[in-house]
N, C-alpha and C. Protein backbone atom coordinates (compact mmCIF):
# COMPACT_ATOMS: atom_id res chain seq x y z
N PRO A 1 133.30 -78.99 -93.08
CA PRO A 1 131.91 -78.54 -92.76
C PRO A 1 131.26 -79.59 -91.85
N SER A 2 131.44 -80.87 -92.03
CA SER A 2 130.78 -81.83 -91.16
C SER A 2 131.39 -81.90 -89.84
N MET A 3 132.67 -81.54 -89.72
CA MET A 3 133.34 -81.56 -88.38
C MET A 3 132.90 -80.31 -87.62
N VAL A 4 132.68 -79.17 -88.30
CA VAL A 4 132.16 -78.00 -87.59
C VAL A 4 130.76 -78.18 -87.05
N LYS A 5 129.93 -78.90 -87.77
CA LYS A 5 128.56 -79.22 -87.31
C LYS A 5 128.63 -80.15 -86.18
N GLY A 6 129.51 -81.10 -86.20
CA GLY A 6 129.70 -82.07 -85.15
C GLY A 6 130.16 -81.39 -83.82
N LEU A 7 131.06 -80.40 -83.99
CA LEU A 7 131.58 -79.67 -82.78
C LEU A 7 130.43 -78.78 -82.20
N GLU A 8 129.62 -78.14 -83.08
CA GLU A 8 128.54 -77.34 -82.58
C GLU A 8 127.55 -78.21 -81.78
N LYS A 9 127.34 -79.40 -82.35
CA LYS A 9 126.36 -80.31 -81.75
C LYS A 9 126.94 -80.80 -80.35
N LEU A 10 128.25 -81.04 -80.28
CA LEU A 10 128.89 -81.50 -79.10
C LEU A 10 128.84 -80.35 -78.07
N SER A 11 129.08 -79.16 -78.50
CA SER A 11 129.03 -77.99 -77.58
C SER A 11 127.65 -77.82 -76.99
N GLY A 12 126.63 -78.00 -77.76
CA GLY A 12 125.21 -77.94 -77.26
C GLY A 12 124.96 -79.03 -76.22
N LEU A 13 125.49 -80.24 -76.50
CA LEU A 13 125.27 -81.40 -75.61
C LEU A 13 126.04 -81.15 -74.36
N VAL A 14 127.26 -80.59 -74.37
CA VAL A 14 127.99 -80.29 -73.10
C VAL A 14 127.25 -79.22 -72.28
N ASP A 15 126.74 -78.18 -72.95
CA ASP A 15 125.97 -77.14 -72.28
C ASP A 15 124.74 -77.72 -71.58
N SER A 16 124.02 -78.61 -72.24
CA SER A 16 122.81 -79.14 -71.65
C SER A 16 123.12 -80.05 -70.43
N LYS A 17 124.23 -80.85 -70.57
CA LYS A 17 124.66 -81.72 -69.45
C LYS A 17 125.14 -80.84 -68.28
N LYS A 18 125.79 -79.74 -68.62
CA LYS A 18 126.30 -78.86 -67.57
C LYS A 18 125.11 -78.26 -66.76
N PHE A 19 124.10 -77.80 -67.46
CA PHE A 19 122.94 -77.21 -66.82
C PHE A 19 122.14 -78.27 -66.07
N THR A 20 122.09 -79.50 -66.60
CA THR A 20 121.43 -80.55 -65.84
C THR A 20 122.15 -80.91 -64.56
N ALA A 21 123.48 -80.95 -64.60
CA ALA A 21 124.23 -81.24 -63.41
C ALA A 21 124.07 -80.14 -62.37
N HIS A 22 124.05 -78.88 -62.85
CA HIS A 22 123.87 -77.75 -61.93
C HIS A 22 122.46 -77.88 -61.23
N ALA A 23 121.43 -78.16 -62.00
CA ALA A 23 120.09 -78.26 -61.45
C ALA A 23 119.98 -79.40 -60.47
N GLN A 24 120.59 -80.52 -60.79
CA GLN A 24 120.51 -81.66 -59.86
C GLN A 24 121.30 -81.38 -58.53
N ALA A 25 122.35 -80.58 -58.65
CA ALA A 25 123.11 -80.23 -57.43
C ALA A 25 122.25 -79.33 -56.52
N ILE A 26 121.51 -78.41 -57.17
CA ILE A 26 120.67 -77.56 -56.36
C ILE A 26 119.54 -78.34 -55.70
N LEU A 27 118.94 -79.16 -56.49
CA LEU A 27 117.83 -79.98 -55.93
C LEU A 27 118.28 -80.95 -54.79
N SER A 28 119.46 -81.55 -54.94
CA SER A 28 119.90 -82.47 -53.91
C SER A 28 120.37 -81.66 -52.63
N SER A 29 120.77 -80.47 -52.76
CA SER A 29 121.17 -79.70 -51.57
C SER A 29 119.99 -79.13 -50.81
N GLU A 30 118.85 -79.05 -51.47
CA GLU A 30 117.63 -78.57 -50.83
C GLU A 30 116.90 -79.68 -50.13
N SER A 31 116.97 -79.70 -48.80
CA SER A 31 116.42 -80.89 -48.11
C SER A 31 115.00 -80.60 -47.63
N SER A 32 114.52 -79.37 -47.68
CA SER A 32 113.16 -79.10 -47.14
C SER A 32 112.09 -79.55 -48.07
N VAL A 33 112.30 -79.71 -49.33
CA VAL A 33 111.33 -80.17 -50.26
C VAL A 33 111.55 -81.61 -50.65
N PRO A 34 110.66 -82.55 -50.25
CA PRO A 34 110.80 -83.92 -50.62
C PRO A 34 110.57 -84.11 -52.10
N ASP A 35 110.63 -85.40 -52.56
CA ASP A 35 110.50 -85.63 -53.95
C ASP A 35 109.09 -85.21 -54.40
N VAL A 36 109.06 -84.30 -55.31
CA VAL A 36 107.77 -83.68 -55.74
C VAL A 36 106.90 -84.66 -56.42
N SER A 37 107.43 -85.64 -57.13
CA SER A 37 106.61 -86.62 -57.84
C SER A 37 105.84 -87.52 -56.88
N LYS A 38 106.39 -87.67 -55.63
CA LYS A 38 105.69 -88.52 -54.68
C LYS A 38 104.66 -87.75 -53.79
N LEU A 39 104.61 -86.48 -53.97
CA LEU A 39 103.65 -85.67 -53.16
C LEU A 39 102.28 -85.91 -53.71
N SER A 40 101.31 -85.91 -52.79
CA SER A 40 99.94 -85.94 -53.22
C SER A 40 99.11 -85.02 -52.38
N ILE A 41 98.06 -84.59 -52.87
CA ILE A 41 97.20 -83.70 -52.08
C ILE A 41 96.33 -84.61 -51.16
N LYS A 42 96.66 -84.50 -49.85
CA LYS A 42 96.02 -85.32 -48.85
C LYS A 42 94.63 -84.69 -48.58
N ASN A 43 94.59 -83.44 -48.60
CA ASN A 43 93.30 -82.77 -48.30
C ASN A 43 92.53 -82.54 -49.59
N LYS A 44 91.49 -83.18 -49.73
CA LYS A 44 90.67 -83.16 -51.00
C LYS A 44 89.62 -82.09 -50.83
N LYS A 45 90.02 -80.86 -50.38
CA LYS A 45 89.05 -79.78 -50.26
C LYS A 45 88.64 -79.28 -51.68
N MET A 46 87.38 -78.80 -51.75
CA MET A 46 86.96 -78.27 -52.94
C MET A 46 87.61 -76.89 -53.28
N LEU A 47 87.72 -76.48 -54.46
CA LEU A 47 88.34 -75.23 -54.80
C LEU A 47 87.72 -74.08 -54.16
N ILE A 48 86.46 -74.04 -54.00
CA ILE A 48 85.74 -72.93 -53.37
C ILE A 48 86.02 -72.76 -51.88
N ASP A 49 86.49 -73.89 -51.27
CA ASP A 49 86.89 -73.84 -49.82
C ASP A 49 88.36 -73.46 -49.63
N ARG A 50 89.16 -73.45 -50.71
CA ARG A 50 90.61 -73.22 -50.52
C ARG A 50 91.09 -72.16 -51.48
N LEU A 51 90.30 -71.05 -51.66
CA LEU A 51 90.66 -70.01 -52.57
C LEU A 51 91.87 -69.22 -52.16
N ASP A 52 92.24 -69.23 -50.86
CA ASP A 52 93.37 -68.49 -50.42
C ASP A 52 94.64 -69.29 -50.45
N GLU A 53 94.60 -70.54 -50.88
CA GLU A 53 95.73 -71.38 -50.96
C GLU A 53 96.05 -71.65 -52.39
N TYR A 54 97.37 -71.83 -52.74
CA TYR A 54 97.65 -72.20 -54.11
C TYR A 54 98.26 -73.63 -54.05
N ILE A 55 97.47 -74.53 -54.72
CA ILE A 55 97.92 -75.90 -54.82
C ILE A 55 97.73 -76.25 -56.28
N GLU A 56 98.77 -76.80 -56.93
CA GLU A 56 98.61 -77.33 -58.27
C GLU A 56 97.79 -78.61 -58.23
N ASP A 57 96.60 -78.46 -58.66
CA ASP A 57 95.67 -79.62 -58.64
C ASP A 57 95.36 -80.01 -60.03
N SER A 58 95.83 -81.19 -60.43
CA SER A 58 95.62 -81.64 -61.82
C SER A 58 94.15 -82.06 -62.01
N SER A 59 93.42 -82.28 -60.98
CA SER A 59 92.02 -82.65 -61.15
C SER A 59 91.19 -81.47 -61.68
N LEU A 60 91.69 -80.25 -61.57
CA LEU A 60 90.95 -79.13 -62.01
C LEU A 60 90.93 -79.05 -63.54
N THR A 61 91.84 -79.73 -64.20
CA THR A 61 91.83 -79.69 -65.63
C THR A 61 91.22 -80.98 -66.26
N SER A 62 90.75 -81.82 -65.39
CA SER A 62 90.08 -83.06 -65.86
C SER A 62 88.64 -82.79 -66.27
N LYS A 63 87.94 -83.89 -66.65
CA LYS A 63 86.51 -83.73 -67.05
C LYS A 63 85.65 -83.46 -65.88
N HIS A 64 86.02 -83.91 -64.68
CA HIS A 64 85.25 -83.72 -63.44
C HIS A 64 86.02 -82.93 -62.42
N PRO A 65 86.18 -81.64 -62.52
CA PRO A 65 87.00 -80.87 -61.59
C PRO A 65 86.35 -80.83 -60.23
N ASN A 66 87.09 -80.67 -59.13
CA ASN A 66 86.62 -80.62 -57.79
C ASN A 66 86.51 -79.14 -57.45
N VAL A 67 85.55 -78.45 -58.07
CA VAL A 67 85.40 -76.95 -57.85
C VAL A 67 84.49 -76.60 -56.73
N ALA A 68 83.22 -77.14 -56.87
CA ALA A 68 82.18 -76.80 -55.81
C ALA A 68 81.15 -77.90 -55.85
N GLN A 69 80.52 -78.10 -54.72
CA GLN A 69 79.50 -79.13 -54.59
C GLN A 69 78.18 -78.57 -55.23
N VAL A 70 77.72 -79.32 -56.22
CA VAL A 70 76.42 -78.94 -56.87
C VAL A 70 75.49 -80.10 -56.69
N PRO A 71 74.29 -79.91 -56.14
CA PRO A 71 73.75 -78.70 -55.46
C PRO A 71 74.43 -78.51 -54.17
N SER A 72 74.40 -77.27 -53.71
CA SER A 72 75.07 -76.94 -52.49
C SER A 72 74.36 -77.62 -51.31
N PRO A 73 75.11 -77.90 -50.26
CA PRO A 73 74.53 -78.58 -49.18
C PRO A 73 73.45 -77.82 -48.44
N MET A 74 72.48 -78.46 -47.85
CA MET A 74 71.37 -77.77 -47.18
C MET A 74 71.89 -77.06 -45.90
N THR A 75 71.47 -75.89 -45.71
CA THR A 75 71.84 -75.13 -44.51
C THR A 75 70.62 -74.68 -43.82
N SER A 76 70.64 -74.53 -42.53
CA SER A 76 69.52 -74.01 -41.82
C SER A 76 69.42 -72.52 -42.01
N VAL A 77 68.14 -72.06 -42.16
CA VAL A 77 67.86 -70.61 -42.35
C VAL A 77 66.97 -70.18 -41.20
N PRO A 78 67.30 -69.14 -40.51
CA PRO A 78 66.44 -68.72 -39.44
C PRO A 78 65.14 -68.25 -39.95
N CYS A 79 64.04 -68.58 -39.28
CA CYS A 79 62.69 -68.26 -39.75
C CYS A 79 62.35 -66.81 -39.39
N LYS A 80 61.66 -66.15 -40.23
CA LYS A 80 61.29 -64.78 -40.00
C LYS A 80 60.00 -64.87 -39.18
N PRO A 81 59.76 -63.90 -38.31
CA PRO A 81 58.50 -63.88 -37.50
C PRO A 81 57.27 -63.80 -38.31
N LEU A 82 57.41 -63.26 -39.53
CA LEU A 82 56.28 -63.17 -40.40
C LEU A 82 55.62 -64.48 -40.70
N PHE A 83 56.44 -65.54 -40.77
CA PHE A 83 55.95 -66.82 -41.08
C PHE A 83 55.11 -67.41 -39.89
N PHE A 84 55.29 -66.94 -38.66
CA PHE A 84 54.54 -67.41 -37.54
C PHE A 84 53.39 -66.57 -37.20
N ASP A 85 53.08 -65.49 -37.96
CA ASP A 85 51.92 -64.64 -37.69
C ASP A 85 50.68 -65.13 -38.36
N LEU A 86 50.42 -66.39 -38.26
CA LEU A 86 49.30 -66.99 -38.92
C LEU A 86 48.03 -66.86 -38.08
N ALA A 87 48.11 -66.56 -36.79
CA ALA A 87 46.97 -66.40 -35.94
C ALA A 87 46.30 -65.07 -36.01
N LEU A 88 46.92 -64.12 -36.77
CA LEU A 88 46.38 -62.78 -36.85
C LEU A 88 44.99 -62.74 -37.39
N ASN A 89 44.62 -63.61 -38.29
CA ASN A 89 43.27 -63.66 -38.83
C ASN A 89 42.19 -64.06 -37.86
N TYR A 90 42.60 -64.70 -36.72
CA TYR A 90 41.64 -65.19 -35.78
C TYR A 90 41.70 -64.35 -34.47
N VAL A 91 42.34 -63.26 -34.41
CA VAL A 91 42.40 -62.40 -33.27
C VAL A 91 41.32 -61.36 -33.43
N GLU A 92 40.56 -61.16 -32.33
CA GLU A 92 39.50 -60.12 -32.33
C GLU A 92 39.99 -58.92 -31.51
N PHE A 93 40.03 -57.79 -32.26
CA PHE A 93 40.53 -56.57 -31.60
C PHE A 93 39.36 -55.81 -30.99
N PRO A 94 39.59 -55.10 -29.87
CA PRO A 94 38.45 -54.36 -29.28
C PRO A 94 38.02 -53.16 -30.20
N SER A 95 36.83 -52.74 -30.01
CA SER A 95 36.19 -51.69 -30.84
C SER A 95 36.82 -50.36 -30.50
N LEU A 96 37.18 -49.52 -31.40
CA LEU A 96 37.74 -48.23 -31.19
C LEU A 96 36.80 -47.09 -31.60
N GLU A 97 35.46 -47.41 -31.74
CA GLU A 97 34.51 -46.45 -32.24
C GLU A 97 34.41 -45.19 -31.31
N ASP A 98 34.45 -45.41 -30.01
CA ASP A 98 34.33 -44.26 -29.13
C ASP A 98 35.49 -43.28 -29.28
N LYS A 99 36.73 -43.82 -29.56
CA LYS A 99 37.85 -42.92 -29.72
C LYS A 99 37.75 -42.17 -31.12
N VAL A 100 37.25 -42.85 -32.11
CA VAL A 100 37.15 -42.27 -33.38
C VAL A 100 36.15 -41.07 -33.39
N GLU A 101 35.02 -41.28 -32.70
CA GLU A 101 34.01 -40.20 -32.61
C GLU A 101 34.57 -38.97 -31.82
N THR A 102 35.35 -39.18 -30.86
CA THR A 102 35.88 -38.01 -30.13
C THR A 102 36.76 -37.13 -31.00
N LYS A 103 37.46 -37.78 -31.89
CA LYS A 103 38.33 -37.00 -32.79
C LYS A 103 37.41 -36.22 -33.80
N LYS A 104 36.33 -36.76 -34.21
CA LYS A 104 35.45 -36.14 -35.18
C LYS A 104 34.75 -34.90 -34.49
N ARG A 105 34.47 -35.02 -33.28
CA ARG A 105 33.83 -33.88 -32.53
C ARG A 105 34.75 -32.66 -32.37
N GLN A 106 36.03 -32.97 -32.26
CA GLN A 106 36.94 -31.77 -32.04
C GLN A 106 37.00 -31.00 -33.27
N PRO A 107 37.15 -29.62 -33.15
CA PRO A 107 37.20 -28.81 -34.36
C PRO A 107 38.46 -29.09 -35.17
N ALA A 108 38.28 -29.04 -36.48
CA ALA A 108 39.40 -29.38 -37.37
C ALA A 108 40.37 -28.25 -37.30
N ALA A 109 41.60 -28.55 -36.92
CA ALA A 109 42.67 -27.59 -36.85
C ALA A 109 43.41 -27.59 -38.19
N ALA A 110 44.23 -26.58 -38.43
CA ALA A 110 45.01 -26.48 -39.67
C ALA A 110 46.06 -27.57 -39.70
N GLY A 111 46.31 -28.26 -38.65
CA GLY A 111 47.32 -29.28 -38.63
C GLY A 111 48.46 -28.83 -37.82
N GLY A 112 49.08 -29.78 -37.13
CA GLY A 112 50.13 -29.37 -36.23
C GLY A 112 51.49 -29.72 -36.79
N GLY A 113 52.52 -29.05 -36.31
CA GLY A 113 53.83 -29.36 -36.66
C GLY A 113 54.28 -28.97 -38.06
N LEU A 114 55.31 -29.62 -38.52
CA LEU A 114 55.86 -29.27 -39.76
C LEU A 114 54.96 -29.77 -40.95
N THR A 115 54.26 -30.87 -40.79
CA THR A 115 53.38 -31.34 -41.88
C THR A 115 52.20 -30.36 -41.99
N GLY A 116 51.73 -29.79 -40.95
CA GLY A 116 50.65 -28.80 -41.05
C GLY A 116 51.11 -27.64 -41.85
N LEU A 117 52.35 -27.15 -41.55
CA LEU A 117 52.87 -26.02 -42.29
C LEU A 117 53.05 -26.24 -43.77
N VAL A 118 53.51 -27.45 -44.12
CA VAL A 118 53.70 -27.77 -45.58
C VAL A 118 52.33 -27.88 -46.17
N LYS A 119 51.40 -28.48 -45.57
CA LYS A 119 50.03 -28.65 -46.15
C LYS A 119 49.42 -27.33 -46.35
N GLY A 120 49.64 -26.42 -45.41
CA GLY A 120 49.04 -25.08 -45.55
C GLY A 120 49.64 -24.24 -46.65
N LEU A 121 50.98 -24.41 -46.90
CA LEU A 121 51.68 -23.57 -47.88
C LEU A 121 51.21 -23.93 -49.28
N TRP A 122 51.11 -25.21 -49.59
CA TRP A 122 50.86 -25.63 -50.97
C TRP A 122 49.40 -26.14 -51.15
N GLY A 123 48.68 -26.07 -50.14
CA GLY A 123 47.26 -26.51 -50.26
C GLY A 123 47.07 -28.00 -50.26
N TRP A 124 48.06 -28.77 -49.85
CA TRP A 124 47.92 -30.20 -49.77
C TRP A 124 47.02 -30.61 -48.61
N GLY A 125 46.25 -31.56 -48.81
CA GLY A 125 45.48 -32.08 -47.65
C GLY A 125 44.31 -31.24 -47.29
N SER A 126 44.00 -30.23 -48.09
CA SER A 126 42.82 -29.43 -47.78
C SER A 126 41.56 -30.14 -48.25
N SER A 127 40.51 -30.02 -47.60
CA SER A 127 39.27 -30.64 -48.02
C SER A 127 38.40 -29.63 -48.76
N LYS A 128 38.27 -29.72 -50.00
CA LYS A 128 37.52 -28.82 -50.86
C LYS A 128 36.30 -29.45 -51.42
């Protein structure tokens, strides 16, 4: 019984050494990949800037991951013209009283166009 257990253990050890030798042969024949343990990420881009790349970054699992800059950097925002319309309060417009009176003198029509038709059908806009 002890000899059978010893042979099973030896068989497992031989298998593991065989697989190790096979893996080392494959790694030594592959010249395009240098020693992985000596590789380092030279580009310290934040994760948000490299979402289309896959890089195993051990810093992402640390206490201070390099995910995004908080607060985000200041960027210039184009100004809306509304912000520059401050002089509107100081502009004096010409009087339009003469044009308003001419419209009052004209006889009130039923209204023109499509809006006049709609107002006439349902009674909207009628002065009662």
